Protein backbone atom coordinates (compact mmCIF):
# COMPACT_ATOMS: atom_id res chain seq x y z
CA MET A 1 1.16 -7.08 50.42
CA THR A 2 3.03 -10.22 51.45
CA MET A 3 6.55 -10.05 52.75
CA ALA A 4 9.27 -11.46 50.51
CA GLU A 5 10.72 -14.78 51.68
CA LEU A 6 14.44 -15.17 52.28
CA LEU A 7 16.23 -17.41 49.81
CA SER A 8 18.20 -20.38 51.12
CA ASP A 9 21.97 -20.45 50.69
CA ALA A 10 21.51 -23.00 47.88
CA GLU A 11 18.97 -20.75 46.13
CA VAL A 12 21.32 -17.75 46.33
CA THR A 13 24.20 -19.86 45.00
CA GLU A 14 22.01 -21.05 42.12
CA ALA A 15 20.91 -17.48 41.30
CA LEU A 16 24.54 -16.36 41.21
CA THR A 17 25.31 -18.90 38.48
CA GLU A 18 23.17 -16.68 36.23
CA LEU A 19 24.86 -13.53 37.55
CA PRO A 20 28.60 -14.28 37.34
CA ARG A 21 29.65 -10.65 37.93
CA TRP A 22 27.75 -10.60 41.21
CA ARG A 23 28.88 -11.98 44.54
CA ARG A 24 27.31 -12.59 47.88
CA ASP A 25 28.50 -10.46 50.78
CA GLY A 26 26.61 -11.63 53.85
CA ALA A 27 22.97 -10.67 53.41
CA MET A 28 23.56 -8.79 50.13
CA LEU A 29 24.19 -9.35 46.45
CA VAL A 30 27.01 -7.04 45.33
CA ARG A 31 28.27 -5.93 41.92
CA THR A 32 30.87 -3.28 41.04
CA VAL A 33 30.71 -1.67 37.60
CA ASP A 34 33.41 0.52 36.03
CA LEU A 35 32.18 2.95 33.38
CA PRO A 36 34.22 4.98 30.87
CA THR A 37 33.22 8.39 32.29
CA PHE A 38 31.50 9.93 35.29
CA PRO A 39 28.48 11.00 33.16
CA ASP A 40 28.17 7.38 31.92
CA ALA A 41 28.08 6.21 35.53
CA ILE A 42 25.37 8.71 36.43
CA THR A 43 23.33 7.63 33.38
CA VAL A 44 23.41 4.04 34.64
CA VAL A 45 22.37 5.20 38.12
CA ASP A 46 19.44 7.12 36.58
CA ARG A 47 18.31 4.05 34.62
CA VAL A 48 18.57 1.80 37.67
CA ALA A 49 16.68 4.37 39.73
CA GLU A 50 13.76 4.28 37.28
CA VAL A 51 13.54 0.49 37.39
CA ALA A 52 13.94 0.40 41.17
CA GLU A 53 11.23 3.01 41.67
CA ALA A 54 8.83 1.13 39.38
CA ARG A 55 9.46 -2.06 41.38
CA ASN A 56 9.42 -0.27 44.75
CA HIS A 57 12.64 -2.14 45.55
CA HIS A 58 15.81 -0.09 45.73
CA PRO A 59 19.50 -1.05 45.79
CA ASP A 60 22.15 0.67 47.83
CA ILE A 61 24.40 2.48 45.34
CA ASP A 62 27.90 3.74 46.03
CA ILE A 63 29.21 6.21 43.43
CA ARG A 64 32.97 6.75 43.21
CA TRP A 65 33.83 8.75 40.10
CA ARG A 66 33.37 6.15 37.30
CA THR A 67 32.88 3.17 39.62
CA LEU A 68 29.47 2.10 40.89
CA THR A 69 28.83 -0.53 43.53
CA PHE A 70 25.32 -1.93 43.76
CA ARG A 71 24.13 -3.80 46.85
CA CYS A 72 20.79 -5.59 46.79
CA SER A 73 19.11 -6.84 49.95
CA THR A 74 15.54 -6.95 51.19
CA HIS A 75 16.02 -5.13 54.46
CA SER A 76 12.49 -5.90 55.70
CA ALA A 77 13.19 -9.66 55.27
CA GLY A 78 16.73 -9.44 56.65
CA GLY A 79 18.56 -10.75 53.59
CA ILE A 80 18.38 -11.87 49.98
CA THR A 81 15.01 -12.58 48.36
CA ASP A 82 13.70 -13.10 44.83
CA LEU A 83 13.22 -9.31 44.71
CA ASP A 84 16.99 -8.85 44.97
CA VAL A 85 17.78 -11.45 42.32
CA ALA A 86 15.29 -9.85 39.93
CA LEU A 87 16.73 -6.38 40.60
CA ALA A 88 20.29 -7.68 40.13
CA ARG A 89 19.25 -9.06 36.72
CA GLU A 90 17.86 -5.66 35.73
CA ILE A 91 20.99 -3.87 36.95
CA GLU A 92 23.09 -6.32 34.95
CA ARG A 93 21.01 -5.58 31.84
CA LEU A 94 21.28 -1.82 32.34
CA ALA A 95 24.95 -1.70 33.35
CA GLY A 96 26.18 -4.24 30.81
CA SER A 97 29.79 -5.26 30.95
């Protein structure tokens, strides 16, 4: 298995044009999602967990009542890789607006 390559600053900036609700915070892509209810938030976490497990690439997830914060970073590479951008796209699809 090859190690994921870090994206350049320009590549991260370009990826974020397709993910307008996401932002860069240092070596992470970050998105906060507000859901109508706590059970709705947990449902999104469950769906993201399934995708993350299938990809063997997992986000950090902070759960605060109805608010979820997702942080994507490839810790083994020390920053943002294509794996994180792909996972952010899936989270965006699953979490919606």
